[in-house]
Amino acid sequence: MNRYTIEEIKEQNSKSAKAIGFLFAAIAVSLVWGFLQDSLPAFLLAGVFSLIMFAETREYKKSYQIELEAAKLEDDQVS
């Protein structure tokens, strides 16, 4: 199992949160484009982005829990 420092975990979570934001925006744009152009590929693209966002949010939740546990352990060691 790989061990990361809290700073590395926070950086990873920050990048993951940004990716989720971009995916949300991409889904919104794809849906608007699909409605305006009556475009099936736009709706399919929104579906793909939704699946990717679902997977990313699951991993983000796991990583966030690890960050909280690591912060708690570090806090206990400092005390």
PDB file of N, CA and C in Angstrom:
ATOM      1  N   MET A   1       0.840  -1.181   0.000  1.00  0.00           N
ATOM      2  CA  MET A   1       0.000   0.000   0.000  1.00  0.00           C
ATOM      3  C   MET A   1       0.883   1.241   0.000  1.00  0.00           C
ATOM      4  N   ASN A   2       0.561   2.173  -0.838  1.00  0.00           N
ATOM      5  CA  ASN A   2       1.344   3.397  -0.910  1.00  0.00           C
ATOM      6  C   ASN A   2       0.978   4.320   0.237  1.00  0.00           C
ATOM      7  N   ARG A   3       1.992   4.957   0.764  1.00  0.00           N
ATOM      8  CA  ARG A   3       1.776   5.937   1.830  1.00  0.00           C
ATOM      9  C   ARG A   3       2.034   7.321   1.259  1.00  0.00           C
ATOM     10  N   TYR A   4       1.117   8.217   1.496  1.00  0.00           N
ATOM     11  CA  TYR A   4       1.249   9.584   1.025  1.00  0.00           C
ATOM     12  C   TYR A   4       1.245  10.518   2.220  1.00  0.00           C
ATOM     13  N   THR A   5       1.863  11.668   2.054  1.00  0.00           N
ATOM     14  CA  THR A   5       1.798  12.682   3.100  1.00  0.00           C
ATOM     15  C   THR A   5       0.454  13.390   2.989  1.00  0.00           C
ATOM     16  N   ILE A   6       0.100  14.109   4.039  1.00  0.00           N
ATOM     17  CA  ILE A   6      -1.172  14.836   4.029  1.00  0.00           C
ATOM     18  C   ILE A   6      -1.182  15.862   2.905  1.00  0.00           C
ATOM     19  N   GLU A   7      -0.038  16.498   2.657  1.00  0.00           N
ATOM     20  CA  GLU A   7       0.029  17.496   1.586  1.00  0.00           C
ATOM     21  C   GLU A   7      -0.254  16.861   0.223  1.00  0.00           C
ATOM     22  N   GLU A   8       0.288  15.668  -0.003  1.00  0.00           N
ATOM     23  CA  GLU A   8       0.040  14.972  -1.265  1.00  0.00           C
ATOM     24  C   GLU A   8      -1.430  14.578  -1.398  1.00  0.00           C
ATOM     25  N   ILE A   9      -2.022  14.134  -0.302  1.00  0.00           N
ATOM     26  CA  ILE A   9      -3.440  13.757  -0.322  1.00  0.00           C
ATOM     27  C   ILE A   9      -4.305  14.982  -0.585  1.00  0.00           C
ATOM     28  N   LYS A  10      -3.979  16.113   0.065  1.00  0.00           N
ATOM     29  CA  LYS A  10      -4.748  17.341  -0.155  1.00  0.00           C
ATOM     30  C   LYS A  10      -4.625  17.814  -1.596  1.00  0.00           C
ATOM     31  N   GLU A  11      -3.421  17.727  -2.156  1.00  0.00           N
ATOM     32  CA  GLU A  11      -3.213  18.124  -3.549  1.00  0.00           C
ATOM     33  C   GLU A  11      -4.021  17.229  -4.483  1.00  0.00           C
ATOM     34  N   GLN A  12      -4.016  15.943  -4.211  1.00  0.00           N
ATOM     35  CA  GLN A  12      -4.772  14.993  -5.029  1.00  0.00           C
ATOM     36  C   GLN A  12      -6.274  15.283  -4.934  1.00  0.00           C
ATOM     37  N   ASN A  13      -6.753  15.563  -3.735  1.00  0.00           N
ATOM     38  CA  ASN A  13      -8.173  15.874  -3.556  1.00  0.00           C
ATOM     39  C   ASN A  13      -8.545  17.188  -4.231  1.00  0.00           C
ATOM     40  N   SER A  14      -7.632  18.153  -4.193  1.00  0.00           N
ATOM     41  CA  SER A  14      -7.889  19.431  -4.851  1.00  0.00           C
ATOM     42  C   SER A  14      -8.025  19.242  -6.360  1.00  0.00           C
ATOM     43  N   LYS A  15      -7.150  18.447  -6.936  1.00  0.00           N
ATOM     44  CA  LYS A  15      -7.231  18.169  -8.375  1.00  0.00           C
ATOM     45  C   LYS A  15      -8.510  17.411  -8.708  1.00  0.00           C
ATOM     46  N   SER A  16      -8.901  16.501  -7.838  1.00  0.00           N
ATOM     47  CA  SER A  16     -10.114  15.727  -8.061  1.00  0.00           C
ATOM     48  C   SER A  16     -11.347  16.627  -8.004  1.00  0.00           C
ATOM     49  N   ALA A  17     -11.365  17.560  -7.054  1.00  0.00           N
ATOM     50  CA  ALA A  17     -12.496  18.484  -6.941  1.00  0.00           C
ATOM     51  C   ALA A  17     -12.592  19.373  -8.177  1.00  0.00           C
ATOM     52  N   LYS A  18     -11.449  19.815  -8.687  1.00  0.00           N
ATOM     53  CA  LYS A  18     -11.453  20.626  -9.910  1.00  0.00           C
ATOM     54  C   LYS A  18     -11.974  19.811 -11.088  1.00  0.00           C
ATOM     55  N   ALA A  19     -11.573  18.554 -11.169  1.00  0.00           N
ATOM     56  CA  ALA A  19     -12.036  17.688 -12.257  1.00  0.00           C
ATOM     57  C   ALA A  19     -13.545  17.503 -12.187  1.00  0.00           C
ATOM     58  N   ILE A  20     -14.074  17.346 -10.982  1.00  0.00           N
ATOM     59  CA  ILE A  20     -15.520  17.195 -10.818  1.00  0.00           C
ATOM     60  C   ILE A  20     -16.232  18.461 -11.284  1.00  0.00           C
ATOM     61  N   GLY A  21     -15.682  19.615 -10.954  1.00  0.00           N
ATOM     62  CA  GLY A  21     -16.266  20.880 -11.406  1.00  0.00           C
ATOM     63  C   GLY A  21     -16.281  21.003 -12.921  1.00  0.00           C
ATOM     64  N   PHE A  22     -15.159  20.642 -13.556  1.00  0.00           N
ATOM     65  CA  PHE A  22     -15.098  20.691 -15.016  1.00  0.00           C
ATOM     66  C   PHE A  22     -16.070  19.696 -15.645  1.00  0.00           C
ATOM     67  N   LEU A  23     -16.198  18.523 -15.051  1.00  0.00           N
ATOM     68  CA  LEU A  23     -17.136  17.535 -15.582  1.00  0.00           C
ATOM     69  C   LEU A  23     -18.574  18.025 -15.461  1.00  0.00           C
ATOM     70  N   PHE A  24     -18.890  18.670 -14.338  1.00  0.00           N
ATOM     71  CA  PHE A  24     -20.235  19.214 -14.160  1.00  0.00           C
ATOM     72  C   PHE A  24     -20.526  20.262 -15.233  1.00  0.00           C
ATOM     73  N   ALA A  25     -19.550  21.135 -15.482  1.00  0.00           N
ATOM     74  CA  ALA A  25     -19.721  22.154 -16.520  1.00  0.00           C
ATOM     75  C   ALA A  25     -19.860  21.510 -17.900  1.00  0.00           C
ATOM     76  N   ALA A  26     -19.076  20.477 -18.159  1.00  0.00           N
ATOM     77  CA  ALA A  26     -19.146  19.794 -19.453  1.00  0.00           C
ATOM     78  C   ALA A  26     -20.500  19.128 -19.651  1.00  0.00           C
ATOM     79  N   ILE A  27     -21.044  18.565 -18.582  1.00  0.00           N
ATOM     80  CA  ILE A  27     -22.373  17.946 -18.672  1.00  0.00           C
ATOM     81  C   ILE A  27     -23.419  19.009 -18.994  1.00  0.00           C
ATOM     82  N   ALA A  28     -23.342  20.144 -18.300  1.00  0.00           N
ATOM     83  CA  ALA A  28     -24.306  21.217 -18.534  1.00  0.00           C
ATOM     84  C   ALA A  28     -24.220  21.731 -19.971  1.00  0.00           C
ATOM     85  N   VAL A  29     -23.001  21.957 -20.450  1.00  0.00           N
ATOM     86  CA  VAL A  29     -22.822  22.450 -21.821  1.00  0.00           C
ATOM     87  C   VAL A  29     -23.318  21.418 -22.834  1.00  0.00           C
ATOM     88  N   SER A  30     -23.017  20.158 -22.599  1.00  0.00           N
ATOM     89  CA  SER A  30     -23.461  19.107 -23.525  1.00  0.00           C
ATOM     90  C   SER A  30     -24.980  19.019 -23.583  1.00  0.00           C
ATOM     91  N   LEU A  31     -25.620  19.148 -22.432  1.00  0.00           N
ATOM     92  CA  LEU A  31     -27.085  19.092 -22.419  1.00  0.00           C
ATOM     93  C   LEU A  31     -27.696  20.294 -23.133  1.00  0.00           C
ATOM     94  N   VAL A  32     -27.152  21.478 -22.872  1.00  0.00           N
ATOM     95  CA  VAL A  32     -27.667  22.676 -23.551  1.00  0.00           C
ATOM     96  C   VAL A  32     -27.458  22.553 -25.055  1.00  0.00           C
ATOM     97  N   TRP A  33     -26.270  22.121 -25.451  1.00  0.00           N
ATOM     98  CA  TRP A  33     -25.970  21.935 -26.872  1.00  0.00           C
ATOM     99  C   TRP A  33     -26.920  20.902 -27.483  1.00  0.00           C
ATOM    100  N   GLY A  34     -27.170  19.831 -26.748  1.00  0.00           N
ATOM    101  CA  GLY A  34     -28.073  18.794 -27.237  1.00  0.00           C
ATOM    102  C   GLY A  34     -29.486  19.299 -27.438  1.00  0.00           C
ATOM    103  N   PHE A  35     -29.970  20.120 -26.495  1.00  0.00           N
ATOM    104  CA  PHE A  35     -31.321  20.660 -26.634  1.00  0.00           C
ATOM    105  C   PHE A  35     -31.403  21.677 -27.770  1.00  0.00           C
ATOM    106  N   LEU A  36     -30.393  22.532 -27.877  1.00  0.00           N
ATOM    107  CA  LEU A  36     -30.432  23.564 -28.912  1.00  0.00           C
ATOM    108  C   LEU A  36     -30.269  22.997 -30.318  1.00  0.00           C
ATOM    109  N   GLN A  37     -29.431  22.000 -30.468  1.00  0.00           N
ATOM    110  CA  GLN A  37     -29.137  21.457 -31.792  1.00  0.00           C
ATOM    111  C   GLN A  37     -29.896  20.159 -32.089  1.00  0.00           C
ATOM    112  N   ASP A  38     -30.692  19.686 -31.142  1.00  0.00           N
ATOM    113  CA  ASP A  38     -31.340  18.372 -31.270  1.00  0.00           C
ATOM    114  C   ASP A  38     -30.308  17.313 -31.655  1.00  0.00           C
ATOM    115  N   SER A  39     -29.245  17.272 -30.860  1.00  0.00           N
ATOM    116  CA  SER A  39     -28.090  16.441 -31.189  1.00  0.00           C
ATOM    117  C   SER A  39     -28.002  15.235 -30.256  1.00  0.00           C
ATOM    118  N   LEU A  40     -28.175  14.050 -30.816  1.00  0.00           N
ATOM    119  CA  LEU A  40     -28.024  12.823 -30.040  1.00  0.00           C
ATOM    120  C   LEU A  40     -26.590  12.644 -29.529  1.00  0.00           C
ATOM    121  N   PRO A  41     -25.560  12.924 -30.343  1.00  0.00           N
ATOM    122  CA  PRO A  41     -24.193  12.780 -29.822  1.00  0.00           C
ATOM    123  C   PRO A  41     -23.916  13.659 -28.599  1.00  0.00           C
ATOM    124  N   ALA A  42     -24.532  14.818 -28.538  1.00  0.00           N
ATOM    125  CA  ALA A  42     -24.337  15.683 -27.370  1.00  0.00           C
ATOM    126  C   ALA A  42     -24.925  15.030 -26.125  1.00  0.00           C
ATOM    127  N   PHE A  43     -26.080  14.408 -26.267  1.00  0.00           N
ATOM    128  CA  PHE A  43     -26.680  13.721 -25.127  1.00  0.00           C
ATOM    129  C   PHE A  43     -25.858  12.504 -24.718  1.00  0.00           C
ATOM    130  N   LEU A  44     -25.322  11.796 -25.706  1.00  0.00           N
ATOM    131  CA  LEU A  44     -24.457  10.656 -25.399  1.00  0.00           C
ATOM    132  C   LEU A  44     -23.183  11.115 -24.696  1.00  0.00           C
ATOM    133  N   LEU A  45     -22.639  12.230 -25.150  1.00  0.00           N
ATOM    134  CA  LEU A  45     -21.447  12.785 -24.516  1.00  0.00           C
ATOM    135  C   LEU A  45     -21.750  13.195 -23.074  1.00  0.00           C
ATOM    136  N   ALA A  46     -22.916  13.773 -22.844  1.00  0.00           N
ATOM    137  CA  ALA A  46     -23.317  14.127 -21.484  1.00  0.00           C
ATOM    138  C   ALA A  46     -23.430  12.874 -20.622  1.00  0.00           C
ATOM    139  N   GLY A  47     -23.911  11.792 -21.196  1.00  0.00           N
ATOM    140  CA  GLY A  47     -23.987  10.525 -20.464  1.00  0.00           C
ATOM    141  C   GLY A  47     -22.617   9.992 -20.099  1.00  0.00           C
ATOM    142  N   VAL A  48     -21.681  10.080 -21.029  1.00  0.00           N
ATOM    143  CA  VAL A  48     -20.310   9.631 -20.752  1.00  0.00           C
ATOM    144  C   VAL A  48     -19.694  10.486 -19.650  1.00  0.00           C
ATOM    145  N   PHE A  49     -19.868  11.807 -19.757  1.00  0.00           N
ATOM    146  CA  PHE A  49     -19.347  12.693 -18.713  1.00  0.00           C
ATOM    147  C   PHE A  49     -19.977  12.378 -17.359  1.00  0.00           C
ATOM    148  N   SER A  50     -21.261  12.020 -17.359  1.00  0.00           N
ATOM    149  CA  SER A  50     -21.941  11.680 -16.105  1.00  0.00           C
ATOM    150  C   SER A  50     -21.347  10.430 -15.472  1.00  0.00           C
ATOM    151  N   LEU A  51     -21.062   9.429 -16.294  1.00  0.00           N
ATOM    152  CA  LEU A  51     -20.444   8.206 -15.771  1.00  0.00           C
ATOM    153  C   LEU A  51     -19.056   8.485 -15.201  1.00  0.00           C
ATOM    154  N   ILE A  52     -18.290   9.294 -15.911  1.00  0.00           N
ATOM    155  CA  ILE A  52     -16.952   9.642 -15.426  1.00  0.00           C
ATOM    156  C   ILE A  52     -17.055  10.428 -14.123  1.00  0.00           C
ATOM    157  N   MET A  53     -18.016  11.360 -14.045  1.00  0.00           N
ATOM    158  CA  MET A  53     -18.177  12.148 -12.825  1.00  0.00           C
ATOM    159  C   MET A  53     -18.613  11.259 -11.667  1.00  0.00           C
ATOM    160  N   PHE A  54     -19.469  10.291 -11.926  1.00  0.00           N
ATOM    161  CA  PHE A  54     -19.896   9.364 -10.886  1.00  0.00           C
ATOM    162  C   PHE A  54     -18.695   8.615 -10.318  1.00  0.00           C
ATOM    163  N   ALA A  55     -17.843   8.108 -11.203  1.00  0.00           N
ATOM    164  CA  ALA A  55     -16.646   7.383 -10.753  1.00  0.00           C
ATOM    165  C   ALA A  55     -15.695   8.307  -9.999  1.00  0.00           C
ATOM    166  N   GLU A  56     -15.536   9.523 -10.483  1.00  0.00           N
ATOM    167  CA  GLU A  56     -14.617  10.474  -9.847  1.00  0.00           C
ATOM    168  C   GLU A  56     -15.115  10.876  -8.459  1.00  0.00           C
ATOM    169  N   THR A  57     -16.426  11.074  -8.309  1.00  0.00           N
ATOM    170  CA  THR A  57     -16.943  11.459  -6.994  1.00  0.00           C
ATOM    171  C   THR A  57     -16.818  10.320  -5.991  1.00  0.00           C
ATOM    172  N   ARG A  58     -16.962   9.077  -6.458  1.00  0.00           N
ATOM    173  CA  ARG A  58     -16.768   7.940  -5.544  1.00  0.00           C
ATOM    174  C   ARG A  58     -15.340   7.904  -5.024  1.00  0.00           C
ATOM    175  N   GLU A  59     -14.373   8.083  -5.921  1.00  0.00           N
ATOM    176  CA  GLU A  59     -12.965   8.075  -5.522  1.00  0.00           C
ATOM    177  C   GLU A  59     -12.643   9.286  -4.649  1.00  0.00           C
ATOM    178  N   TYR A  60     -13.262  10.427  -4.944  1.00  0.00           N
ATOM    179  CA  TYR A  60     -13.037  11.632  -4.148  1.00  0.00           C
ATOM    180  C   TYR A  60     -13.520  11.423  -2.717  1.00  0.00           C
ATOM    181  N   LYS A  61     -14.681  10.799  -2.560  1.00  0.00           N
ATOM    182  CA  LYS A  61     -15.202  10.539  -1.213  1.00  0.00           C
ATOM    183  C   LYS A  61     -14.264   9.635  -0.424  1.00  0.00           C
ATOM    184  N   LYS A  62     -13.754   8.595  -1.069  1.00  0.00           N
ATOM    185  CA  LYS A  62     -12.815   7.692  -0.396  1.00  0.00           C
ATOM    186  C   LYS A  62     -11.544   8.433  -0.001  1.00  0.00           C
ATOM    187  N   SER A  63     -11.020   9.210  -0.923  1.00  0.00           N
ATOM    188  CA  SER A  63      -9.782   9.938  -0.670  1.00  0.00           C
ATOM    189  C   SER A  63      -9.987  10.995   0.412  1.00  0.00           C
ATOM    190  N   TYR A  64     -11.161  11.621   0.422  1.00  0.00           N
ATOM    191  CA  TYR A  64     -11.448  12.626   1.448  1.00  0.00           C
ATOM    192  C   TYR A  64     -11.496  11.982   2.829  1.00  0.00           C
ATOM    193  N   GLN A  65     -12.067  10.791   2.933  1.00  0.00           N
ATOM    194  CA  GLN A  65     -12.082  10.075   4.209  1.00  0.00           C
ATOM    195  C   GLN A  65     -10.661   9.750   4.662  1.00  0.00           C
ATOM    196  N   ILE A  66      -9.814   9.354   3.719  1.00  0.00           N
ATOM    197  CA  ILE A  66      -8.415   9.074   4.050  1.00  0.00           C
ATOM    198  C   ILE A  66      -7.730  10.341   4.541  1.00  0.00           C
ATOM    199  N   GLU A  67      -8.027  11.470   3.898  1.00  0.00           N
ATOM    200  CA  GLU A  67      -7.445  12.746   4.325  1.00  0.00           C
ATOM    201  C   GLU A  67      -7.875  13.089   5.746  1.00  0.00           C
ATOM    202  N   LEU A  68      -9.146  12.881   6.057  1.00  0.00           N
ATOM    203  CA  LEU A  68      -9.627  13.171   7.407  1.00  0.00           C
ATOM    204  C   LEU A  68      -8.966  12.268   8.441  1.00  0.00           C
ATOM    205  N   GLU A  69      -8.824  10.987   8.114  1.00  0.00           N
ATOM    206  CA  GLU A  69      -8.169  10.057   9.035  1.00  0.00           C
ATOM    207  C   GLU A  69      -6.698  10.422   9.225  1.00  0.00           C
ATOM    208  N   ALA A  70      -6.024  10.802   8.141  1.00  0.00           N
ATOM    209  CA  ALA A  70      -4.613  11.188   8.233  1.00  0.00           C
ATOM    210  C   ALA A  70      -4.450  12.456   9.058  1.00  0.00           C
ATOM    211  N   ALA A  71      -5.353  13.404   8.882  1.00  0.00           N
ATOM    212  CA  ALA A  71      -5.290  14.634   9.667  1.00  0.00           C
ATOM    213  C   ALA A  71      -5.524  14.341  11.142  1.00  0.00           C
ATOM    214  N   LYS A  72      -6.447  13.428  11.419  1.00  0.00           N
ATOM    215  CA  LYS A  72      -6.719  13.069  12.809  1.00  0.00           C
ATOM    216  C   LYS A  72      -5.504  12.384  13.428  1.00  0.00           C
ATOM    217  N   LEU A  73      -4.864  11.468  12.684  1.00  0.00           N
ATOM    218  CA  LEU A  73      -3.668  10.797  13.192  1.00  0.00           C
ATOM    219  C   LEU A  73      -2.533  11.785  13.424  1.00  0.00           C
ATOM    220  N   GLU A  74      -2.369  12.720  12.497  1.00  0.00           N
ATOM    221  CA  GLU A  74      -1.316  13.723  12.656  1.00  0.00           C
ATOM    222  C   GLU A  74      -1.609  14.614  13.852  1.00  0.00           C
ATOM    223  N   ASP A  75      -2.878  14.939  14.038  1.00  0.00           N
ATOM    224  CA  ASP A  75      -3.276  15.764  15.176  1.00  0.00           C
ATOM    225  C   ASP A  75      -3.013  15.030  16.488  1.00  0.00           C
ATOM    226  N   ASP A  76      -3.277  13.724  16.510  1.00  0.00           N
ATOM    227  CA  ASP A  76      -3.021  12.929  17.709  1.00  0.00           C
ATOM    228  C   ASP A  76      -1.531  12.830  18.000  1.00  0.00           C
ATOM    229  N   GLN A  77      -0.708  12.756  16.958  1.00  0.00           N
ATOM    230  CA  GLN A  77       0.731  12.660  17.148  1.00  0.00           C
ATOM    231  C   GLN A  77       1.317  13.967  17.655  1.00  0.00           C
ATOM    232  N   VAL A  78       0.752  15.086  17.236  1.00  0.00           N
ATOM    233  CA  VAL A  78       1.237  16.394  17.672  1.00  0.00           C
ATOM    234  C   VAL A  78       0.883  16.625  19.132  1.00  0.00           C
ATOM    235  N   SER A  79      -0.285  16.159  19.529  1.00  0.00           N
ATOM    236  CA  SER A  79      -0.757  16.384  20.907  1.00  0.00           C
ATOM    237  C   SER A  79       0.021  15.593  21.918  1.00  0.00           C
TER     238      SER A  79
END
